[in-house]
Amino acid sequence: MAVIEKALNFKYPHGFSTRIGGVSTGVYESLNLGMNRGDDKELVIKNWDLFRKASGITNEQFVCGEQIHSNIVHIATKEDLRPAYGPGFMNTADGYVTNLRNVPIAIFTADCVPLLLEDSKAGVIGAIHCGWKSTVADIEKEAVTKMASLGSDPSDIHAAIGPSIDICCFEVGPEVISAVSDLLTEPADDLYLQKENGKYMLDLRGVVKRRLEELGVLPEHIEYVGGCTMCNPTRYWSHRYTGGVRGSQASIIMIP
């Protein structure tokens, strides 16, 4: 059975995958959900079936696409639905929001921050891929703005920030720290540590949380789910740990 992680305070079916409980073998062992990593197609389809069911989602089709580390957030409709590895249009986007029932939306990660958003009062959800490039391009604002266009109020949004590389392992250059400082209204000194080699260790999950708060999401509505992907290579896929030879996690949410 697929091992997944869930937010404590979400009402809608959802899940953050781990790499445990799937059927893939070799370097993809075992719950690989990546559809472009070189894994056996039929095994990935089976993994998706296991993941969806563990997340409480029986729909065989879902919305996903090509992620390009942008701030593009697509408003998903039934026309975007596709099966895993099946025919269907692939969006180019790093996030999805929708207010439609039975339209699961999903994003892929393997160190970047997966962000699931839920406003059960307005009936609006989001699934956002928050790599550092997407984050400093303010994909969080794009997501909250698109959810607002569907009737959501930021103060009603609940956010779950899933497993990703953490400050203990995420070394970045000064240009990333500069971009983070430009993004946030308040000083970001508490979100990074400077090293003797001139590099920095960055708390990207903390940056995402801080930006959501600046956009009107209440601090008490934001929770962390899971741990550091690089520190836990037997539980999560990590691009940095594996040197890119890996599978992918997925994060999914649906309005039933």
Protein backbone atom coordinates (compact mmCIF):
# COMPACT_ATOMS: atom_id res chain seq x y z
CA MET A 1 0.00 0.00 0.00
CA ALA A 2 1.29 3.46 -0.89
CA VAL A 3 2.66 5.37 2.10
CA ILE A 4 1.54 9.00 1.97
CA GLU A 5 1.49 12.03 4.25
CA LYS A 6 -1.48 14.29 4.89
CA ALA A 7 -2.30 17.66 6.38
CA LEU A 8 -4.04 17.54 9.75
CA ASN A 9 -6.58 20.27 9.05
CA PHE A 10 -7.64 19.65 5.43
CA LYS A 11 -11.19 18.53 4.70
CA TYR A 12 -10.79 17.47 1.07
CA PRO A 13 -9.11 14.27 -0.18
CA HIS A 14 -5.39 14.89 -0.69
CA GLY A 15 -1.95 13.45 -0.19
CA PHE A 16 1.80 13.99 -0.39
CA SER A 17 3.51 10.84 -1.66
CA THR A 18 6.65 9.27 -0.27
CA ARG A 19 8.79 6.75 -2.19
CA ILE A 20 7.38 3.85 -0.13
CA GLY A 21 4.69 1.36 -1.07
CA GLY A 22 4.88 1.21 -4.85
CA VAL A 23 5.79 -1.43 -7.41
CA SER A 24 8.74 0.12 -9.28
CA THR A 25 12.16 -1.52 -9.03
CA GLY A 26 15.84 -0.64 -9.32
CA VAL A 27 16.69 3.05 -9.01
CA TYR A 28 12.93 3.81 -9.06
CA GLU A 29 12.08 1.65 -6.05
CA SER A 30 9.31 1.84 -5.17
CA LEU A 31 6.57 4.52 -5.39
CA ASN A 32 7.82 6.49 -8.39
CA LEU A 33 5.12 8.79 -9.78
CA GLY A 34 7.28 10.57 -12.34
CA MET A 35 6.11 10.03 -15.91
CA ASN A 36 9.30 11.23 -17.58
CA ARG A 37 12.03 9.59 -15.49
CA GLY A 38 12.59 6.47 -17.61
CA ASP A 39 10.66 4.04 -15.40
CA ASP A 40 8.45 1.28 -16.82
CA LYS A 41 5.17 2.82 -17.97
CA GLU A 42 2.91 0.11 -16.56
CA LEU A 43 4.58 0.27 -13.16
CA VAL A 44 4.12 4.05 -12.97
CA ILE A 45 0.44 3.65 -13.87
CA LYS A 46 0.08 1.12 -11.03
CA ASN A 47 1.89 3.48 -8.65
CA TRP A 48 -0.54 6.26 -9.52
CA ASP A 49 -3.43 3.93 -8.83
CA LEU A 50 -1.99 3.13 -5.40
CA PHE A 51 -1.28 6.79 -4.64
CA ARG A 52 -4.70 8.07 -5.64
CA LYS A 53 -6.49 5.43 -3.60
CA ALA A 54 -4.34 6.12 -0.54
CA SER A 55 -5.22 9.82 -0.92
CA GLY A 56 -8.94 9.01 -1.01
CA ILE A 57 -9.28 9.83 -4.72
CA THR A 58 -10.92 7.18 -6.89
CA ASN A 59 -10.96 9.27 -10.09
CA GLU A 60 -8.62 7.69 -12.64
CA GLN A 61 -7.96 11.00 -14.42
CA PHE A 62 -6.29 14.08 -12.97
CA VAL A 63 -4.66 17.37 -14.02
CA CYS A 64 -0.88 17.62 -14.27
CA GLY A 65 1.63 19.01 -16.74
CA GLU A 66 5.14 20.03 -17.67
CA GLN A 67 6.75 22.03 -14.86
CA ILE A 68 9.24 24.69 -15.94
CA HIS A 69 10.08 26.45 -12.64
CA SER A 70 7.85 29.39 -13.58
CA ASN A 71 5.13 31.34 -11.76
CA ILE A 72 2.42 30.12 -14.15
CA VAL A 73 -0.73 28.96 -12.34
CA HIS A 74 -3.44 27.42 -14.50
CA ILE A 75 -7.15 27.38 -13.62
CA ALA A 76 -7.94 23.71 -14.22
CA THR A 77 -11.13 22.47 -15.87
CA LYS A 78 -12.48 19.05 -16.83
CA GLU A 79 -10.89 19.51 -20.26
CA ASP A 80 -7.46 19.28 -18.59
CA LEU A 81 -8.08 15.84 -17.09
CA ARG A 82 -5.87 12.98 -18.28
CA PRO A 83 -4.89 9.51 -17.08
CA ALA A 84 -1.37 8.73 -15.92
CA TYR A 85 0.71 8.07 -19.03
CA GLY A 86 -2.42 8.21 -21.17
CA PRO A 87 -3.51 10.53 -23.98
CA GLY A 88 -4.36 14.08 -23.07
CA PHE A 89 -3.08 17.62 -23.19
CA MET A 90 -0.11 18.47 -20.98
CA ASN A 91 -0.23 21.99 -19.60
CA THR A 92 2.95 23.99 -19.16
CA ALA A 93 2.50 25.32 -15.65
CA ASP A 94 3.87 25.05 -12.14
CA GLY A 95 0.56 25.26 -10.36
CA TYR A 96 -3.15 24.60 -10.66
CA VAL A 97 -6.25 25.92 -8.95
CA THR A 98 -9.87 24.91 -9.45
CA ASN A 99 -13.33 25.24 -7.96
CA LEU A 100 -14.72 22.22 -9.81
CA ARG A 101 -15.69 18.97 -8.14
CA ASN A 102 -14.00 15.73 -9.18
CA VAL A 103 -11.05 17.49 -10.84
CA PRO A 104 -7.92 16.25 -9.00
CA ILE A 105 -4.91 18.52 -9.47
CA ALA A 106 -1.34 17.31 -8.98
CA ILE A 107 2.25 18.53 -9.08
CA PHE A 108 5.61 16.70 -8.97
CA THR A 109 8.62 17.32 -6.71
CA ALA A 110 11.92 15.75 -5.66
CA ASP A 111 13.41 18.53 -3.46
CA CYS A 112 11.28 21.57 -4.38
CA VAL A 113 8.46 22.58 -2.05
CA PRO A 114 5.03 21.05 -2.77
CA LEU A 115 2.22 23.32 -1.64
CA LEU A 116 -1.42 22.29 -1.34
CA LEU A 117 -4.09 24.94 -0.74
CA GLU A 118 -7.68 24.48 0.40
CA ASP A 119 -10.54 26.90 0.95
CA SER A 120 -13.43 24.63 1.86
CA LYS A 121 -15.65 27.64 2.60
CA ALA A 122 -15.54 28.88 -1.01
CA GLY A 123 -14.83 25.47 -2.51
CA VAL A 124 -11.45 26.27 -4.12
CA ILE A 125 -8.19 24.32 -4.09
CA GLY A 126 -4.63 24.66 -5.35
CA ALA A 127 -1.56 22.49 -6.00
CA ILE A 128 1.63 24.48 -6.47
CA HIS A 129 5.24 23.50 -7.32
CA CYS A 130 7.41 25.95 -5.35
CA GLY A 131 11.00 25.60 -6.43
CA TRP A 132 13.21 28.54 -5.53
CA LYS A 133 12.88 30.04 -9.02
CA SER A 134 9.08 29.79 -8.90
CA THR A 135 9.02 31.16 -5.38
CA VAL A 136 11.11 34.26 -6.07
CA ALA A 137 8.93 34.79 -9.18
CA ASP A 138 6.04 34.92 -6.67
CA ILE A 139 4.09 31.84 -7.70
CA GLU A 140 2.46 32.04 -4.26
CA LYS A 141 0.87 35.36 -5.19
CA GLU A 142 -0.28 33.94 -8.52
CA ALA A 143 -1.91 31.03 -6.71
CA VAL A 144 -3.69 33.16 -4.10
CA THR A 145 -4.80 35.64 -6.77
CA LYS A 146 -6.18 32.87 -9.00
CA MET A 147 -7.99 31.33 -6.04
CA ALA A 148 -9.48 34.77 -5.24
CA SER A 149 -10.73 35.01 -8.83
CA LEU A 150 -12.73 31.85 -8.10
CA GLY A 151 -14.28 33.34 -4.96
CA SER A 152 -11.72 32.52 -2.28
CA ASP A 153 -10.63 34.89 0.49
CA PRO A 154 -6.97 34.53 1.60
CA SER A 155 -8.01 34.42 5.26
CA ASP A 156 -10.04 31.27 4.53
CA ILE A 157 -7.22 29.43 2.76
CA HIS A 158 -5.51 26.56 4.54
CA ALA A 159 -2.01 25.69 3.33
CA ALA A 160 0.00 22.49 3.67
CA ILE A 161 3.72 22.79 2.87
CA GLY A 162 4.97 19.32 2.07
CA PRO A 163 8.28 17.42 2.14
CA SER A 164 11.19 19.23 0.51
CA ILE A 165 14.89 19.91 0.91
CA ASP A 166 15.32 21.88 4.13
CA ILE A 167 17.71 24.47 5.50
CA CYS A 168 20.03 21.70 6.73
CA CYS A 169 20.77 20.62 3.14
CA PHE A 170 19.78 23.42 0.74
CA GLU A 171 22.94 25.31 -0.16
CA VAL A 172 22.45 28.27 -2.50
CA GLY A 173 24.42 31.20 -3.86
CA PRO A 174 24.09 34.87 -2.82
CA GLU A 175 21.93 35.61 -5.89
CA VAL A 176 19.20 33.37 -4.46
CA ILE A 177 19.31 35.13 -1.09
CA SER A 178 19.10 38.49 -2.87
CA ALA A 179 16.04 37.34 -4.82
CA VAL A 180 14.37 36.06 -1.65
CA SER A 181 15.03 39.39 0.09
CA ASP A 182 13.47 41.22 -2.85
CA LEU A 183 10.40 38.98 -2.70
CA LEU A 184 9.58 39.38 0.98
CA THR A 185 8.34 42.59 2.56
CA GLU A 186 10.08 41.97 5.88
CA PRO A 187 13.79 41.10 6.33
CA ALA A 188 14.55 37.45 5.61
CA ASP A 189 17.64 37.13 7.84
CA ASP A 190 16.06 34.38 9.93
CA LEU A 191 15.44 32.22 6.85
CA TYR A 192 19.07 31.58 5.88
CA LEU A 193 22.51 30.94 7.35
CA GLN A 194 25.74 32.19 5.77
CA LYS A 195 28.62 29.73 5.35
CA GLU A 196 32.36 30.37 5.36
CA ASN A 197 32.56 29.51 1.64
CA GLY A 198 30.29 32.45 0.73
CA LYS A 199 27.26 30.22 0.14
CA TYR A 200 24.08 30.12 2.21
CA MET A 201 21.76 27.49 3.66
CA LEU A 202 18.19 28.49 2.82
CA ASP A 203 14.89 27.62 4.52
CA LEU A 204 12.76 27.50 1.36
CA ARG A 205 9.74 26.13 3.19
CA GLY A 206 10.04 29.08 5.55
CA VAL A 207 10.14 31.48 2.60
CA VAL A 208 6.94 29.96 1.19
CA LYS A 209 5.25 30.22 4.58
CA ARG A 210 6.35 33.84 5.08
CA ARG A 211 5.11 34.83 1.61
CA LEU A 212 1.73 33.18 2.19
CA GLU A 213 1.36 35.14 5.42
CA GLU A 214 2.19 38.37 3.58
CA LEU A 215 -0.55 37.50 1.08
CA GLY A 216 -3.17 37.21 3.82
CA VAL A 217 -3.10 33.50 4.69
CA LEU A 218 -3.39 33.22 8.47
CA PRO A 219 -0.34 31.73 10.25
CA GLU A 220 -2.58 29.29 12.12
CA HIS A 221 -3.86 28.02 8.76
CA ILE A 222 -0.38 26.99 7.57
CA GLU A 223 1.20 23.65 8.47
CA TYR A 224 4.30 21.71 7.52
CA VAL A 225 3.87 18.10 6.40
CA GLY A 226 6.80 15.69 6.27
CA GLY A 227 10.51 16.27 6.53
CA CYS A 228 13.66 17.01 4.55
CA THR A 229 13.87 15.05 1.32
CA MET A 230 17.67 14.99 1.23
CA CYS A 231 18.03 13.93 4.87
CA ASN A 232 15.60 11.04 4.35
CA PRO A 233 16.55 9.40 1.02
CA THR A 234 14.85 6.10 1.87
CA ARG A 235 11.54 7.86 2.48
CA TYR A 236 11.58 10.59 -0.19
CA TRP A 237 12.98 11.19 -3.65
CA SER A 238 15.74 13.80 -3.62
CA HIS A 239 17.25 15.18 -6.82
CA ARG A 240 20.37 16.43 -5.05
CA TYR A 241 20.97 13.24 -3.08
CA THR A 242 20.65 10.97 -6.13
CA GLY A 243 22.37 13.26 -8.61
CA GLY A 244 19.19 13.24 -10.67
CA VAL A 245 18.89 9.45 -10.99
CA ARG A 246 15.54 9.12 -9.27
CA GLY A 247 11.79 8.91 -9.29
CA SER A 248 9.38 11.69 -8.30
CA GLN A 249 6.96 12.45 -5.52
CA ALA A 250 3.54 13.85 -6.34
CA SER A 251 1.08 15.93 -4.32
CA ILE A 252 -2.62 15.83 -5.14
CA ILE A 253 -5.90 17.35 -3.94
CA MET A 254 -9.52 17.19 -5.11
CA ILE A 255 -12.92 18.66 -4.25
CA PRO A 256 -15.25 15.62 -3.94
